[in-house]
């Protein structure tokens, strides 16, 4: 009976569950905001390209 109580009180696996939940939320956000993220990244690359042309 004590072993069962110890097992139920054991929280060593909670870190893994929390990390998995965070990863799932991040993946969901990327899927939801995929178009906005793509536009932002493209804008940043264009800006970098324009700045690089000014230097060279």
N, C-alpha and C. Protein backbone atom coordinates (compact mmCIF):
# COMPACT_ATOMS: atom_id res chain seq x y z
N UNK A 1 0.82 -1.19 0.00
CA UNK A 1 0.00 0.00 0.00
C UNK A 1 0.87 1.26 0.00
N UNK A 2 1.98 1.21 0.73
CA UNK A 2 2.88 2.37 0.77
C UNK A 2 3.50 2.63 -0.59
N UNK A 3 3.79 1.58 -1.33
CA UNK A 3 4.37 1.73 -2.68
C UNK A 3 3.41 2.48 -3.60
N UNK A 4 2.12 2.20 -3.48
CA UNK A 4 1.14 2.88 -4.32
C UNK A 4 1.06 4.35 -3.96
N UNK A 5 1.08 4.66 -2.68
CA UNK A 5 1.05 6.06 -2.24
C UNK A 5 2.29 6.81 -2.71
N UNK A 6 3.44 6.16 -2.62
CA UNK A 6 4.68 6.78 -3.09
C UNK A 6 4.63 7.03 -4.59
N UNK A 7 4.08 6.08 -5.34
CA UNK A 7 3.97 6.23 -6.79
C UNK A 7 3.06 7.40 -7.14
N UNK A 8 1.95 7.55 -6.45
CA UNK A 8 1.01 8.63 -6.73
C UNK A 8 1.59 10.00 -6.37
N UNK A 9 2.46 10.04 -5.36
CA UNK A 9 3.07 11.31 -4.95
C UNK A 9 4.30 11.66 -5.76
N UNK A 10 4.84 10.70 -6.48
CA UNK A 10 6.05 10.91 -7.27
C UNK A 10 5.76 11.87 -8.42
N UNK A 11 6.53 12.96 -8.52
CA UNK A 11 6.33 13.96 -9.56
C UNK A 11 7.55 14.08 -10.47
N UNK A 12 8.37 13.07 -10.54
CA UNK A 12 9.60 13.16 -11.32
C UNK A 12 9.32 13.25 -12.81
N UNK A 13 8.20 12.73 -13.28
CA UNK A 13 7.87 12.78 -14.69
C UNK A 13 7.18 14.06 -15.12
N UNK A 14 6.87 14.94 -14.19
CA UNK A 14 6.13 16.15 -14.51
C UNK A 14 6.93 17.07 -15.43
N UNK A 15 8.22 17.11 -15.34
CA UNK A 15 9.02 17.96 -16.20
C UNK A 15 8.87 17.58 -17.66
N UNK A 16 8.83 16.31 -17.94
CA UNK A 16 8.69 15.83 -19.31
C UNK A 16 7.32 16.23 -19.87
N UNK A 17 6.28 16.07 -19.06
CA UNK A 17 4.94 16.43 -19.49
C UNK A 17 4.85 17.92 -19.78
N UNK A 18 5.43 18.72 -18.93
CA UNK A 18 5.41 20.17 -19.13
C UNK A 18 6.14 20.57 -20.40
N UNK A 19 7.27 19.97 -20.66
CA UNK A 19 8.03 20.27 -21.87
C UNK A 19 7.23 19.87 -23.11
N UNK A 20 6.60 18.71 -23.07
CA UNK A 20 5.79 18.27 -24.20
C UNK A 20 4.61 19.21 -24.45
N UNK A 21 3.98 19.69 -23.39
CA UNK A 21 2.87 20.64 -23.56
C UNK A 21 3.36 21.94 -24.18
N UNK A 22 4.51 22.42 -23.76
CA UNK A 22 5.07 23.65 -24.33
C UNK A 22 5.36 23.45 -25.81
N UNK A 23 5.94 22.32 -26.17
CA UNK A 23 6.25 22.04 -27.58
C UNK A 23 4.97 21.99 -28.40
N UNK A 24 3.93 21.35 -27.88
CA UNK A 24 2.66 21.26 -28.60
C UNK A 24 2.07 22.65 -28.82
N UNK A 25 2.12 23.49 -27.80
CA UNK A 25 1.59 24.86 -27.93
C UNK A 25 2.39 25.64 -28.96
N UNK A 26 3.71 25.52 -28.94
CA UNK A 26 4.54 26.24 -29.91
C UNK A 26 4.25 25.78 -31.34
N UNK A 27 4.10 24.48 -31.54
CA UNK A 27 3.79 23.96 -32.87
C UNK A 27 2.43 24.48 -33.33
N UNK A 28 1.46 24.51 -32.44
CA UNK A 28 0.13 25.02 -32.78
C UNK A 28 0.20 26.49 -33.17
N UNK A 29 1.00 27.28 -32.45
CA UNK A 29 1.13 28.71 -32.77
C UNK A 29 1.79 28.89 -34.13
N UNK A 30 2.79 28.08 -34.43
CA UNK A 30 3.45 28.18 -35.74
C UNK A 30 2.47 27.85 -36.85
N UNK A 31 1.65 26.84 -36.64
CA UNK A 31 0.66 26.46 -37.66
C UNK A 31 -0.37 27.56 -37.84
N UNK A 32 -0.83 28.14 -36.74
CA UNK A 32 -1.86 29.18 -36.80
C UNK A 32 -1.32 30.44 -37.47
N UNK A 33 -0.10 30.84 -37.12
CA UNK A 33 0.46 32.09 -37.62
C UNK A 33 1.48 31.86 -38.74
N UNK A 34 1.33 30.79 -39.48
CA UNK A 34 2.30 30.43 -40.51
C UNK A 34 2.46 31.53 -41.56
N UNK A 35 1.36 32.09 -42.05
CA UNK A 35 1.44 33.13 -43.07
C UNK A 35 2.15 34.38 -42.56
N UNK A 36 1.82 34.80 -41.35
CA UNK A 36 2.45 35.99 -40.78
C UNK A 36 3.95 35.78 -40.56
N UNK A 37 4.32 34.59 -40.10
CA UNK A 37 5.73 34.29 -39.87
C UNK A 37 6.48 34.29 -41.20
N UNK A 38 5.87 33.71 -42.23
CA UNK A 38 6.51 33.68 -43.55
C UNK A 38 6.72 35.09 -44.09
N UNK A 39 5.71 35.94 -43.97
CA UNK A 39 5.83 37.33 -44.43
C UNK A 39 6.93 38.06 -43.67
N UNK A 40 7.00 37.86 -42.37
CA UNK A 40 8.02 38.52 -41.54
C UNK A 40 9.41 38.07 -41.94
N UNK A 41 9.61 36.78 -42.11
CA UNK A 41 10.93 36.25 -42.47
C UNK A 41 11.34 36.75 -43.85
N UNK A 42 10.40 36.76 -44.81
CA UNK A 42 10.72 37.27 -46.14
C UNK A 42 11.09 38.74 -46.10
N UNK A 43 10.39 39.51 -45.30
CA UNK A 43 10.70 40.93 -45.15
C UNK A 43 12.09 41.13 -44.57
N UNK A 44 12.42 40.35 -43.59
CA UNK A 44 13.75 40.46 -42.96
C UNK A 44 14.83 40.12 -43.97
N UNK A 45 14.65 39.04 -44.76
CA UNK A 45 15.65 38.64 -45.76
C UNK A 45 15.81 39.71 -46.84
N UNK A 46 14.68 40.33 -47.26
CA UNK A 46 14.79 41.41 -48.24
C UNK A 46 15.58 42.58 -47.68
N UNK A 47 15.32 42.91 -46.43
CA UNK A 47 16.04 44.00 -45.78
C UNK A 47 17.54 43.69 -45.68
N UNK A 48 17.87 42.47 -45.33
CA UNK A 48 19.28 42.07 -45.25
C UNK A 48 19.92 42.14 -46.63
N UNK A 49 19.20 41.69 -47.67
CA UNK A 49 19.73 41.73 -49.03
C UNK A 49 19.98 43.15 -49.50
N UNK A 50 19.07 44.07 -49.20
CA UNK A 50 19.24 45.47 -49.59
C UNK A 50 20.44 46.08 -48.86
N UNK A 51 20.57 45.78 -47.59
CA UNK A 51 21.70 46.31 -46.80
C UNK A 51 23.02 45.74 -47.30
N UNK A 52 23.03 44.47 -47.68
CA UNK A 52 24.27 43.86 -48.18
C UNK A 52 24.68 44.49 -49.52
N UNK A 53 23.69 44.83 -50.36
CA UNK A 53 24.02 45.47 -51.65
C UNK A 53 24.62 46.84 -51.42
N UNK A 54 24.19 47.56 -50.40
CA UNK A 54 24.74 48.89 -50.10
C UNK A 54 26.20 48.78 -49.66
N UNK A 55 26.53 47.73 -48.94
CA UNK A 55 27.89 47.56 -48.44
C UNK A 55 28.82 47.20 -49.59
N UNK A 56 28.39 46.31 -50.47
CA UNK A 56 29.26 45.87 -51.56
C UNK A 56 29.01 46.75 -52.74
